[in-house]
Amino acid sequence: MNPEKNEFPQNKPELDEKMFEGYEVALFDPRPNADNSKIFEGKKVYGIEVTIPALAEQCIGNLDPQHSGGDHTRAAIEDAVSCELPPKDAVLATVRPDLDSFGSMALLNMRQNNDILNEDILSKVKKIAEADTFAKGTWPGERELPTIENPWPESKGELSPLSAMVMDFKMQAKERVARLQKWFEKNEIPKDYEEKLETERQDLIKAIENGDIKVNVRDGVALVESTHRSGMDTGYRKAPIVIALNPKFQMQGGEPHIKYTVAQYQNGFVDLKSALSEIQALEVGWGGSPTIIGSPQGVSSKLSMEQVFEAIDKYKISS
């Protein structure tokens, strides 16, 4: 049984197994009432950032310091450096295909193969951890948006093409982890995604100019409506608290749905824990950490932007 057969959509290209020797890798379908039984069937499943309790309970372990009541300032990949290794025949599974979860899989696989995590690898772990836990220092203040004349008013960042790669649902999860492992070991940055990043930046500029990315600032909160993957970053250019609404969000190739992501650049701008409790009373399924929360996974949120804003505005922290 191949656990990736439960990944959706089903038409994935086959992976050259020589690229990645070690653990099996799987992506959970986070949608309500989704059937993830094939991933667990006859297997020991080790979770990484499995934020859905019903799935986490079936795992033999769950590496998730940010969302499981542990240390919200610590990324999973930091624990992956020294945690107890899952059994060799385990399946590594997540609901969050990002640099933190897939990077953790790559590290666990390297450790299982007795690879040495040298200083270069550990420095890369630190970069991912800082990006994932919003440990970016203080909010730099309002910044200009990218334009045709100045498409990169900020540093592009080494992680950007890697982040684009791990979010590519046309590629098997295992291949994405394998390519990330190559970056750890050989510093191979996927050139095809560097080119894709440039194309996406031009699309972002066009979206801003055409009004396809709408950003309004209200009482220190950036309200963003966009289907573009850079909507959150665009909001941070205008305010340290962002409420991003994607009206056509797709989770792992699933059906488009309304998705909210609410985040603060760093702790201290809003009490997201209290705001989350209030929002959960309005709509079941919201979750997250003290720095970022989101609406139910895989289904459309029924809340209006005004309802979300009111909850956030109530718990803003005065400077």
C-alpha atoms as a PDB file:
ATOM      1  CA  MET A   1       0.000   0.000   0.000  1.00  0.00           C
ATOM      2  CA  ASN A   2       1.291   3.420  -0.971  1.00  0.00           C
ATOM      3  CA  PRO A   3       0.030   6.064   1.497  1.00  0.00           C
ATOM      4  CA  GLU A   4       0.285   8.771  -1.130  1.00  0.00           C
ATOM      5  CA  LYS A   5      -2.598   7.187  -3.031  1.00  0.00           C
ATOM      6  CA  ASN A   6      -4.868   9.009  -0.582  1.00  0.00           C
ATOM      7  CA  GLU A   7      -3.386  12.339  -1.633  1.00  0.00           C
ATOM      8  CA  PHE A   8      -5.621  14.446  -3.837  1.00  0.00           C
ATOM      9  CA  PRO A   9      -5.923  15.047  -6.715  1.00  0.00           C
ATOM     10  CA  GLN A  10      -4.895  11.533  -7.749  1.00  0.00           C
ATOM     11  CA  ASN A  11      -3.097  12.226 -11.028  1.00  0.00           C
ATOM     12  CA  LYS A  12       0.407  12.669  -9.572  1.00  0.00           C
ATOM     13  CA  PRO A  13       3.580  12.038 -11.608  1.00  0.00           C
ATOM     14  CA  GLU A  14       5.592   9.051 -10.437  1.00  0.00           C
ATOM     15  CA  LEU A  15       8.665   9.695  -8.315  1.00  0.00           C
ATOM     16  CA  ASP A  16      12.061   8.231  -9.073  1.00  0.00           C
ATOM     17  CA  GLU A  17      12.612   6.338  -5.813  1.00  0.00           C
ATOM     18  CA  LYS A  18      16.377   6.908  -6.073  1.00  0.00           C
ATOM     19  CA  MET A  19      15.692  10.538  -5.224  1.00  0.00           C
ATOM     20  CA  PHE A  20      14.457   9.729  -1.753  1.00  0.00           C
ATOM     21  CA  GLU A  21      15.281   6.630   0.231  1.00  0.00           C
ATOM     22  CA  GLY A  22      13.720   6.281   3.651  1.00  0.00           C
ATOM     23  CA  TYR A  23      10.388   7.170   5.168  1.00  0.00           C
ATOM     24  CA  GLU A  24       7.107   7.097   3.316  1.00  0.00           C
ATOM     25  CA  VAL A  25       5.411  10.479   3.054  1.00  0.00           C
ATOM     26  CA  ALA A  26       1.712  11.339   2.989  1.00  0.00           C
ATOM     27  CA  LEU A  27      -0.594  14.338   2.988  1.00  0.00           C
ATOM     28  CA  PHE A  28      -3.838  14.168   4.934  1.00  0.00           C
ATOM     29  CA  ASP A  29      -7.019  15.429   3.335  1.00  0.00           C
ATOM     30  CA  PRO A  30      -8.118  18.050   5.917  1.00  0.00           C
ATOM     31  CA  ARG A  31     -11.660  18.449   4.634  1.00  0.00           C
ATOM     32  CA  PRO A  32     -14.493  17.455   6.998  1.00  0.00           C
ATOM     33  CA  ASN A  33     -15.636  13.850   6.561  1.00  0.00           C
ATOM     34  CA  ALA A  34     -12.628  13.101   4.322  1.00  0.00           C
ATOM     35  CA  ASP A  35     -11.520   9.476   4.300  1.00  0.00           C
ATOM     36  CA  ASN A  36      -7.889   9.263   5.442  1.00  0.00           C
ATOM     37  CA  SER A  37      -8.137   5.617   6.492  1.00  0.00           C
ATOM     38  CA  LYS A  38      -5.800   4.351   3.756  1.00  0.00           C
ATOM     39  CA  ILE A  39      -2.926   6.338   5.210  1.00  0.00           C
ATOM     40  CA  PHE A  40      -3.361   4.587   8.557  1.00  0.00           C
ATOM     41  CA  GLU A  41      -4.151   1.152   7.125  1.00  0.00           C
ATOM     42  CA  GLY A  42      -1.507  -1.241   8.458  1.00  0.00           C
ATOM     43  CA  LYS A  43       0.934   1.607   9.041  1.00  0.00           C
ATOM     44  CA  LYS A  44       2.543   3.508  11.893  1.00  0.00           C
ATOM     45  CA  VAL A  45       1.801   7.129  11.087  1.00  0.00           C
ATOM     46  CA  TYR A  46       3.937   9.870  12.619  1.00  0.00           C
ATOM     47  CA  GLY A  47       2.346  13.294  12.379  1.00  0.00           C
ATOM     48  CA  ILE A  48       4.047  16.608  11.745  1.00  0.00           C
ATOM     49  CA  GLU A  49       1.933  19.666  12.457  1.00  0.00           C
ATOM     50  CA  VAL A  50      -1.247  17.597  12.391  1.00  0.00           C
ATOM     51  CA  THR A  51      -3.655  20.211  13.705  1.00  0.00           C
ATOM     52  CA  ILE A  52      -6.829  18.145  13.324  1.00  0.00           C
ATOM     53  CA  PRO A  53      -7.354  16.335  16.678  1.00  0.00           C
ATOM     54  CA  ALA A  54      -9.161  13.325  15.177  1.00  0.00           C
ATOM     55  CA  LEU A  55      -6.153  12.650  12.924  1.00  0.00           C
ATOM     56  CA  ALA A  56      -3.514  13.504  15.524  1.00  0.00           C
ATOM     57  CA  GLU A  57      -5.026  10.995  17.959  1.00  0.00           C
ATOM     58  CA  GLN A  58      -4.425   8.178  15.473  1.00  0.00           C
ATOM     59  CA  CYS A  59      -0.746   9.037  15.022  1.00  0.00           C
ATOM     60  CA  ILE A  60       1.989   7.358  17.065  1.00  0.00           C
ATOM     61  CA  GLY A  61       3.413  10.849  17.608  1.00  0.00           C
ATOM     62  CA  ASN A  62       2.835  14.409  16.448  1.00  0.00           C
ATOM     63  CA  LEU A  63       5.674  16.894  16.093  1.00  0.00           C
ATOM     64  CA  ASP A  64       3.809  20.150  16.616  1.00  0.00           C
ATOM     65  CA  PRO A  65       5.145  22.477  19.343  1.00  0.00           C
ATOM     66  CA  GLN A  66       3.296  25.539  18.007  1.00  0.00           C
ATOM     67  CA  HIS A  67      -0.259  24.211  17.911  1.00  0.00           C
ATOM     68  CA  SER A  68      -0.388  21.416  20.493  1.00  0.00           C
ATOM     69  CA  GLY A  69      -0.185  23.522  23.635  1.00  0.00           C
ATOM     70  CA  GLY A  70       3.620  23.466  23.652  1.00  0.00           C
ATOM     71  CA  ASP A  71       5.969  26.319  22.795  1.00  0.00           C
ATOM     72  CA  HIS A  72       4.288  28.546  20.211  1.00  0.00           C
ATOM     73  CA  THR A  73       7.613  30.260  19.497  1.00  0.00           C
ATOM     74  CA  ARG A  74       9.216  26.995  18.397  1.00  0.00           C
ATOM     75  CA  ALA A  75       8.822  25.504  14.921  1.00  0.00           C
ATOM     76  CA  ALA A  76       8.467  21.778  14.306  1.00  0.00           C
ATOM     77  CA  ILE A  77      11.697  21.743  12.314  1.00  0.00           C
ATOM     78  CA  GLU A  78      13.647  22.824  15.402  1.00  0.00           C
ATOM     79  CA  ASP A  79      12.406  19.766  17.288  1.00  0.00           C
ATOM     80  CA  ALA A  80      13.110  17.557  14.254  1.00  0.00           C
ATOM     81  CA  VAL A  81      16.836  18.170  14.809  1.00  0.00           C
ATOM     82  CA  SER A  82      16.970  16.151  18.036  1.00  0.00           C
ATOM     83  CA  CYS A  83      13.613  14.481  18.754  1.00  0.00           C
ATOM     84  CA  GLU A  84      13.284  10.723  19.056  1.00  0.00           C
ATOM     85  CA  LEU A  85      13.178   9.272  15.558  1.00  0.00           C
ATOM     86  CA  PRO A  86       9.982   7.609  14.330  1.00  0.00           C
ATOM     87  CA  PRO A  87      10.314   3.892  13.466  1.00  0.00           C
ATOM     88  CA  LYS A  88      11.963   3.160  10.116  1.00  0.00           C
ATOM     89  CA  ASP A  89       8.701   1.790   8.717  1.00  0.00           C
ATOM     90  CA  ALA A  90       6.664   4.838   9.761  1.00  0.00           C
ATOM     91  CA  VAL A  91       4.734   7.108   7.417  1.00  0.00           C
ATOM     92  CA  LEU A  92       5.428  10.815   7.917  1.00  0.00           C
ATOM     93  CA  ALA A  93       2.174  12.702   7.410  1.00  0.00           C
ATOM     94  CA  THR A  94       0.971  16.293   7.656  1.00  0.00           C
ATOM     95  CA  VAL A  95      -1.984  18.520   6.853  1.00  0.00           C
ATOM     96  CA  ARG A  96       0.311  21.529   6.389  1.00  0.00           C
ATOM     97  CA  PRO A  97       2.528  21.267   3.282  1.00  0.00           C
ATOM     98  CA  ASP A  98       5.003  24.042   4.010  1.00  0.00           C
ATOM     99  CA  LEU A  99       8.729  24.522   4.602  1.00  0.00           C
ATOM    100  CA  ASP A 100       8.390  23.697   8.305  1.00  0.00           C
ATOM    101  CA  SER A 101       6.521  20.397   7.939  1.00  0.00           C
ATOM    102  CA  PHE A 102       8.280  19.169   4.786  1.00  0.00           C
ATOM    103  CA  GLY A 103      11.613  20.408   6.101  1.00  0.00           C
ATOM    104  CA  SER A 104      11.015  18.378   9.268  1.00  0.00           C
ATOM    105  CA  MET A 105      10.370  15.302   7.135  1.00  0.00           C
ATOM    106  CA  ALA A 106      13.614  15.864   5.252  1.00  0.00           C
ATOM    107  CA  LEU A 107      15.598  16.221   8.490  1.00  0.00           C
ATOM    108  CA  LEU A 108      14.055  13.120  10.065  1.00  0.00           C
ATOM    109  CA  ASN A 109      14.871  11.173   6.920  1.00  0.00           C
ATOM    110  CA  MET A 110      18.461  12.430   6.910  1.00  0.00           C
ATOM    111  CA  ARG A 111      18.879  11.476  10.554  1.00  0.00           C
ATOM    112  CA  GLN A 112      17.365   8.056   9.915  1.00  0.00           C
ATOM    113  CA  ASN A 113      19.976   7.577   7.175  1.00  0.00           C
ATOM    114  CA  ASN A 114      22.708   8.612   9.655  1.00  0.00           C
ATOM    115  CA  ASP A 115      23.475  11.845   7.829  1.00  0.00           C
ATOM    116  CA  ILE A 116      25.296  14.447   9.905  1.00  0.00           C
ATOM    117  CA  LEU A 117      23.414  17.685  10.466  1.00  0.00           C
ATOM    118  CA  ASN A 118      26.330  20.052   9.984  1.00  0.00           C
ATOM    119  CA  GLU A 119      26.448  23.778  10.727  1.00  0.00           C
ATOM    120  CA  ASP A 120      25.282  24.696   7.218  1.00  0.00           C
ATOM    121  CA  ILE A 121      22.184  22.493   7.580  1.00  0.00           C
ATOM    122  CA  LEU A 122      21.451  23.852  11.052  1.00  0.00           C
ATOM    123  CA  SER A 123      21.712  27.426   9.761  1.00  0.00           C
ATOM    124  CA  LYS A 124      19.059  26.563   7.153  1.00  0.00           C
ATOM    125  CA  VAL A 125      16.888  25.073   9.891  1.00  0.00           C
ATOM    126  CA  LYS A 126      17.142  28.382  11.723  1.00  0.00           C
ATOM    127  CA  LYS A 127      16.065  30.339   8.626  1.00  0.00           C
ATOM    128  CA  ILE A 128      12.964  28.184   8.181  1.00  0.00           C
ATOM    129  CA  ALA A 129      12.135  28.339  11.886  1.00  0.00           C
ATOM    130  CA  GLU A 130      12.411  32.124  11.969  1.00  0.00           C
ATOM    131  CA  ALA A 131      10.172  32.455   8.930  1.00  0.00           C
ATOM    132  CA  ASP A 132       7.626  29.934  10.256  1.00  0.00           C
ATOM    133  CA  THR A 133       7.329  31.361  13.771  1.00  0.00           C
ATOM    134  CA  PHE A 134       7.330  34.986  12.585  1.00  0.00           C
ATOM    135  CA  ALA A 135      10.636  35.553  14.383  1.00  0.00           C
ATOM    136  CA  LYS A 136      11.522  38.350  11.985  1.00  0.00           C
ATOM    137  CA  GLY A 137      12.263  41.044  14.498  1.00  0.00           C
ATOM    138  CA  THR A 138      10.047  44.083  14.826  1.00  0.00           C
ATOM    139  CA  TRP A 139       7.580  45.158  12.178  1.00  0.00           C
ATOM    140  CA  PRO A 140       9.589  47.409   9.818  1.00  0.00           C
ATOM    141  CA  GLY A 141       6.723  49.829   9.347  1.00  0.00           C
ATOM    142  CA  GLU A 142       4.743  50.715   6.242  1.00  0.00           C
ATOM    143  CA  ARG A 143       6.583  49.896   3.034  1.00  0.00           C
ATOM    144  CA  GLU A 144       6.020  50.467  -0.639  1.00  0.00           C
ATOM    145  CA  LEU A 145       4.278  47.909  -2.790  1.00  0.00           C
ATOM    146  CA  PRO A 146       6.148  46.296  -5.700  1.00  0.00           C
ATOM    147  CA  THR A 147       5.822  48.068  -9.032  1.00  0.00           C
ATOM    148  CA  ILE A 148       6.893  47.457 -12.605  1.00  0.00           C
ATOM    149  CA  GLU A 149       9.768  49.912 -12.074  1.00  0.00           C
ATOM    150  CA  ASN A 150      10.781  48.323  -8.763  1.00  0.00           C
ATOM    151  CA  PRO A 151       9.479  44.738  -8.588  1.00  0.00           C
ATOM    152  CA  TRP A 152      11.588  43.778  -5.560  1.00  0.00           C
ATOM    153  CA  PRO A 153      11.670  46.736  -3.142  1.00  0.00           C
ATOM    154  CA  GLU A 154      12.776  44.192  -0.515  1.00  0.00           C
ATOM    155  CA  SER A 155      15.216  41.296  -0.569  1.00  0.00           C
ATOM    156  CA  LYS A 156      13.774  38.378  -2.528  1.00  0.00           C
ATOM    157  CA  GLY A 157      14.952  35.847   0.049  1.00  0.00           C
ATOM    158  CA  GLU A 158      16.552  32.436  -0.355  1.00  0.00           C
ATOM    159  CA  LEU A 159      13.471  30.618   0.916  1.00  0.00           C
ATOM    160  CA  SER A 160      11.006  32.071  -1.591  1.00  0.00           C
ATOM    161  CA  PRO A 161      11.566  29.593  -4.468  1.00  0.00           C
ATOM    162  CA  LEU A 162      11.663  26.723  -1.980  1.00  0.00           C
ATOM    163  CA  SER A 163       8.367  27.831  -0.487  1.00  0.00           C
ATOM    164  CA  ALA A 164       6.831  27.982  -3.961  1.00  0.00           C
ATOM    165  CA  MET A 165       8.103  24.471  -4.636  1.00  0.00           C
ATOM    166  CA  VAL A 166       6.649  22.851  -1.504  1.00  0.00           C
ATOM    167  CA  MET A 167       3.273  24.431  -2.280  1.00  0.00           C
ATOM    168  CA  ASP A 168       3.150  22.914  -5.771  1.00  0.00           C
ATOM    169  CA  PHE A 169       0.391  20.312  -5.467  1.00  0.00           C
ATOM    170  CA  LYS A 170       1.076  19.004  -8.966  1.00  0.00           C
ATOM    171  CA  MET A 171       4.170  17.330  -7.521  1.00  0.00           C
ATOM    172  CA  GLN A 172       4.125  14.317  -5.213  1.00  0.00           C
ATOM    173  CA  ALA A 173       4.647  15.175  -1.572  1.00  0.00           C
ATOM    174  CA  LYS A 174       7.570  12.781  -1.460  1.00  0.00           C
ATOM    175  CA  GLU A 175       9.286  14.502  -4.370  1.00  0.00           C
ATOM    176  CA  ARG A 176       8.862  17.889  -2.725  1.00  0.00           C
ATOM    177  CA  VAL A 177      10.488  16.554   0.449  1.00  0.00           C
ATOM    178  CA  ALA A 178      13.265  14.982  -1.644  1.00  0.00           C
ATOM    179  CA  ARG A 179      14.034  18.273  -3.391  1.00  0.00           C
ATOM    180  CA  LEU A 180      14.042  20.081  -0.064  1.00  0.00           C
ATOM    181  CA  GLN A 181      16.466  17.486   1.269  1.00  0.00           C
ATOM    182  CA  LYS A 182      18.765  18.212  -1.693  1.00  0.00           C
ATOM    183  CA  TRP A 183      18.776  21.859  -0.695  1.00  0.00           C
ATOM    184  CA  PHE A 184      19.767  20.940   2.852  1.00  0.00           C
ATOM    185  CA  GLU A 185      22.531  18.615   1.682  1.00  0.00           C
ATOM    186  CA  LYS A 186      23.805  20.234  -1.517  1.00  0.00           C
ATOM    187  CA  ASN A 187      22.350  23.746  -1.464  1.00  0.00           C
ATOM    188  CA  GLU A 188      20.445  23.040  -4.684  1.00  0.00           C
ATOM    189  CA  ILE A 189      17.793  25.741  -5.097  1.00  0.00           C
ATOM    190  CA  PRO A 190      15.170  24.706  -7.682  1.00  0.00           C
ATOM    191  CA  LYS A 191      15.877  26.969 -10.665  1.00  0.00           C
ATOM    192  CA  ASP A 192      12.471  26.292 -12.194  1.00  0.00           C
ATOM    193  CA  TYR A 193      10.821  27.837  -9.156  1.00  0.00           C
ATOM    194  CA  GLU A 194      13.127  30.837  -9.213  1.00  0.00           C
ATOM    195  CA  GLU A 195      11.771  31.528 -12.697  1.00  0.00           C
ATOM    196  CA  LYS A 196       8.231  30.855 -11.485  1.00  0.00           C
ATOM    197  CA  LEU A 197       8.791  33.330  -8.647  1.00  0.00           C
ATOM    198  CA  GLU A 198       9.698  36.076 -11.114  1.00  0.00           C
ATOM    199  CA  THR A 199       6.553  35.315 -13.112  1.00  0.00           C
ATOM    200  CA  GLU A 200       4.461  35.375  -9.953  1.00  0.00           C
ATOM    201  CA  ARG A 201       5.942  38.730  -8.936  1.00  0.00           C
ATOM    202  CA  GLN A 202       4.870  40.212 -12.271  1.00  0.00           C
ATOM    203  CA  ASP A 203       1.411  38.689 -11.712  1.00  0.00           C
ATOM    204  CA  LEU A 204       1.367  40.270  -8.234  1.00  0.00           C
ATOM    205  CA  ILE A 205       2.211  43.697  -9.636  1.00  0.00           C
ATOM    206  CA  LYS A 206      -0.492  43.345 -12.268  1.00  0.00           C
ATOM    207  CA  ALA A 207      -2.992  42.202  -9.600  1.00  0.00           C
ATOM    208  CA  ILE A 208      -2.208  45.233  -7.423  1.00  0.00           C
ATOM    209  CA  GLU A 209      -2.509  47.618 -10.367  1.00  0.00           C
ATOM    210  CA  ASN A 210      -5.783  46.032 -11.536  1.00  0.00           C
ATOM    211  CA  GLY A 211      -7.308  45.982  -8.059  1.00  0.00           C
ATOM    212  CA  ASP A 212      -7.379  42.180  -7.916  1.00  0.00           C
ATOM    213  CA  ILE A 213      -5.555  42.504  -4.600  1.00  0.00           C
ATOM    214  CA  LYS A 214      -7.548  44.880  -2.447  1.00  0.00           C
ATOM    215  CA  VAL A 215      -5.827  46.262   0.664  1.00  0.00           C
ATOM    216  CA  ASN A 216      -7.551  48.619   3.067  1.00  0.00           C
ATOM    217  CA  VAL A 217      -6.114  49.708   6.408  1.00  0.00           C
ATOM    218  CA  ARG A 218      -8.586  50.156   9.245  1.00  0.00           C
ATOM    219  CA  ASP A 219      -7.482  51.117  12.740  1.00  0.00           C
ATOM    220  CA  GLY A 220      -4.061  49.532  12.328  1.00  0.00           C
ATOM    221  CA  VAL A 221      -5.337  46.349  10.657  1.00  0.00           C
ATOM    222  CA  ALA A 222      -4.752  45.536   6.980  1.00  0.00           C
ATOM    223  CA  LEU A 223      -7.858  44.022   5.391  1.00  0.00           C
ATOM    224  CA  VAL A 224      -6.813  42.071   2.311  1.00  0.00           C
ATOM    225  CA  GLU A 225      -9.008  40.361  -0.258  1.00  0.00           C
ATOM    226  CA  SER A 226      -7.154  38.363  -2.872  1.00  0.00           C
ATOM    227  CA  THR A 227      -6.620  34.950  -4.426  1.00  0.00           C
ATOM    228  CA  HIS A 228      -2.908  35.656  -4.833  1.00  0.00           C
ATOM    229  CA  ARG A 229      -0.509  33.699  -2.594  1.00  0.00           C
ATOM    230  CA  SER A 230       1.270  36.938  -1.647  1.00  0.00           C
ATOM    231  CA  GLY A 231      -1.827  38.532  -0.162  1.00  0.00           C
ATOM    232  CA  MET A 232      -0.570  38.198   3.412  1.00  0.00           C
ATOM    233  CA  ASP A 233       2.824  39.722   2.603  1.00  0.00           C
ATOM    234  CA  THR A 234       1.106  42.576   0.790  1.00  0.00           C
ATOM    235  CA  GLY A 235      -0.933  43.257   3.921  1.00  0.00           C
ATOM    236  CA  TYR A 236       2.180  43.349   6.111  1.00  0.00           C
ATOM    237  CA  ARG A 237       3.492  46.174   3.971  1.00  0.00           C
ATOM    238  CA  LYS A 238       0.675  48.323   5.300  1.00  0.00           C
ATOM    239  CA  ALA A 239       0.021  47.121   8.886  1.00  0.00           C
ATOM    240  CA  PRO A 240       1.391  44.684  11.497  1.00  0.00           C
ATOM    241  CA  ILE A 241      -1.968  42.879  11.791  1.00  0.00           C
ATOM    242  CA  VAL A 242      -3.482  41.309   8.682  1.00  0.00           C
ATOM    243  CA  ILE A 243      -6.874  39.781   7.996  1.00  0.00           C
ATOM    244  CA  ALA A 244      -6.590  38.075   4.612  1.00  0.00           C
ATOM    245  CA  LEU A 245      -9.668  36.786   2.807  1.00  0.00           C
ATOM    246  CA  ASN A 246      -9.157  34.421  -0.113  1.00  0.00           C
ATOM    247  CA  PRO A 247     -12.562  33.828  -1.766  1.00  0.00           C
ATOM    248  CA  LYS A 248     -11.260  30.943  -3.886  1.00  0.00           C
ATOM    249  CA  PHE A 249      -8.712  29.179  -1.695  1.00  0.00           C
ATOM    250  CA  GLN A 250      -7.786  25.619  -2.723  1.00  0.00           C
ATOM    251  CA  MET A 251      -6.387  23.169  -0.182  1.00  0.00           C
ATOM    252  CA  GLN A 252      -4.208  20.505  -1.802  1.00  0.00           C
ATOM    253  CA  GLY A 253      -6.099  20.725  -5.062  1.00  0.00           C
ATOM    254  CA  GLY A 254      -9.548  20.521  -3.436  1.00  0.00           C
ATOM    255  CA  GLU A 255     -12.609  22.583  -4.246  1.00  0.00           C
ATOM    256  CA  PRO A 256     -12.279  26.410  -4.062  1.00  0.00           C
ATOM    257  CA  HIS A 257     -13.670  27.863  -0.835  1.00  0.00           C
ATOM    258  CA  ILE A 258     -13.668  31.006   1.306  1.00  0.00           C
ATOM    259  CA  LYS A 259     -10.627  31.089   3.588  1.00  0.00           C
ATOM    260  CA  TYR A 260      -9.558  33.590   6.253  1.00  0.00           C
ATOM    261  CA  THR A 261      -6.026  33.875   7.589  1.00  0.00           C
ATOM    262  CA  VAL A 262      -5.405  36.284  10.459  1.00  0.00           C
ATOM    263  CA  ALA A 263      -1.869  36.995  11.639  1.00  0.00           C
ATOM    264  CA  GLN A 264       0.329  39.469  13.446  1.00  0.00           C
ATOM    265  CA  TYR A 265       3.896  40.180  12.385  1.00  0.00           C
ATOM    266  CA  GLN A 266       5.067  39.438  15.915  1.00  0.00           C
ATOM    267  CA  ASN A 267       3.503  38.950  19.335  1.00  0.00           C
ATOM    268  CA  GLY A 268       2.340  42.120  21.016  1.00  0.00           C
ATOM    269  CA  PHE A 269      -0.046  43.680  18.506  1.00  0.00           C
ATOM    270  CA  VAL A 270      -3.168  41.622  19.237  1.00  0.00           C
ATOM    271  CA  ASP A 271      -4.248  38.932  21.705  1.00  0.00           C
ATOM    272  CA  LEU A 272      -5.035  36.317  19.063  1.00  0.00           C
ATOM    273  CA  LYS A 273      -5.758  33.628  21.662  1.00  0.00           C
ATOM    274  CA  SER A 274      -8.689  35.609  23.080  1.00  0.00           C
ATOM    275  CA  ALA A 275      -9.815  36.694  19.627  1.00  0.00           C
ATOM    276  CA  LEU A 276      -9.745  33.074  18.484  1.00  0.00           C
ATOM    277  CA  SER A 277     -12.016  32.000  21.355  1.00  0.00           C
ATOM    278  CA  GLU A 278     -14.553  34.637  20.368  1.00  0.00           C
ATOM    279  CA  ILE A 279     -14.413  33.684  16.693  1.00  0.00           C
ATOM    280  CA  GLN A 280     -14.767  29.976  17.544  1.00  0.00           C
ATOM    281  CA  ALA A 281     -18.039  30.818  19.296  1.00  0.00           C
ATOM    282  CA  LEU A 282     -19.254  32.202  15.968  1.00  0.00           C
ATOM    283  CA  GLU A 283     -17.889  29.407  13.769  1.00  0.00           C
ATOM    284  CA  VAL A 284     -16.543  26.004  14.754  1.00  0.00           C
ATOM    285  CA  GLY A 285     -13.274  24.855  13.211  1.00  0.00           C
ATOM    286  CA  TRP A 286     -11.055  27.902  13.559  1.00  0.00           C
ATOM    287  CA  GLY A 287      -7.625  27.227  14.999  1.00  0.00           C
ATOM    288  CA  GLY A 288      -4.041  28.380  15.155  1.00  0.00           C
ATOM    289  CA  SER A 289      -1.362  29.843  17.373  1.00  0.00           C
ATOM    290  CA  PRO A 290      -0.718  33.200  19.122  1.00  0.00           C
ATOM    291  CA  THR A 291       0.732  34.590  15.890  1.00  0.00           C
ATOM    292  CA  ILE A 292      -1.552  33.153  13.203  1.00  0.00           C
ATOM    293  CA  ILE A 293      -5.083  31.729  13.098  1.00  0.00           C
ATOM    294  CA  GLY A 294      -7.311  30.549  10.300  1.00  0.00           C
ATOM    295  CA  SER A 295     -10.833  29.537   9.368  1.00  0.00           C
ATOM    296  CA  PRO A 296     -11.877  25.858   9.060  1.00  0.00           C
ATOM    297  CA  GLN A 297      -9.736  23.839   6.658  1.00  0.00           C
ATOM    298  CA  GLY A 298     -11.247  22.596   3.440  1.00  0.00           C
ATOM    299  CA  VAL A 299     -14.650  24.327   3.744  1.00  0.00           C
ATOM    300  CA  SER A 300     -15.922  27.854   3.203  1.00  0.00           C
ATOM    301  CA  SER A 301     -16.106  30.170   6.174  1.00  0.00           C
ATOM    302  CA  LYS A 302     -19.551  31.634   6.803  1.00  0.00           C
ATOM    303  CA  LEU A 303     -18.253  34.723   8.584  1.00  0.00           C
ATOM    304  CA  SER A 304     -18.093  38.185   7.099  1.00  0.00           C
ATOM    305  CA  MET A 305     -14.953  40.303   7.078  1.00  0.00           C
ATOM    306  CA  GLU A 306     -16.727  42.656   9.490  1.00  0.00           C
ATOM    307  CA  GLN A 307     -17.311  39.867  12.030  1.00  0.00           C
ATOM    308  CA  VAL A 308     -13.676  38.815  11.927  1.00  0.00           C
ATOM    309  CA  PHE A 309     -12.456  42.395  12.131  1.00  0.00           C
ATOM    310  CA  GLU A 310     -14.626  43.157  15.170  1.00  0.00           C
ATOM    311  CA  ALA A 311     -13.142  40.213  17.080  1.00  0.00           C
ATOM    312  CA  ILE A 312      -9.596  41.230  16.196  1.00  0.00           C
ATOM    313  CA  ASP A 313     -10.165  44.916  16.875  1.00  0.00           C
ATOM    314  CA  LYS A 314     -11.529  44.151  20.329  1.00  0.00           C
ATOM    315  CA  TYR A 315      -8.315  42.431  21.398  1.00  0.00           C
ATOM    316  CA  LYS A 316      -5.732  44.748  19.911  1.00  0.00           C
ATOM    317  CA  ILE A 317      -2.946  45.581  22.345  1.00  0.00           C
ATOM    318  CA  SER A 318      -2.262  49.241  22.938  1.00  0.00           C
ATOM    319  CA  SER A 319       1.325  50.264  22.320  1.00  0.00           C
END
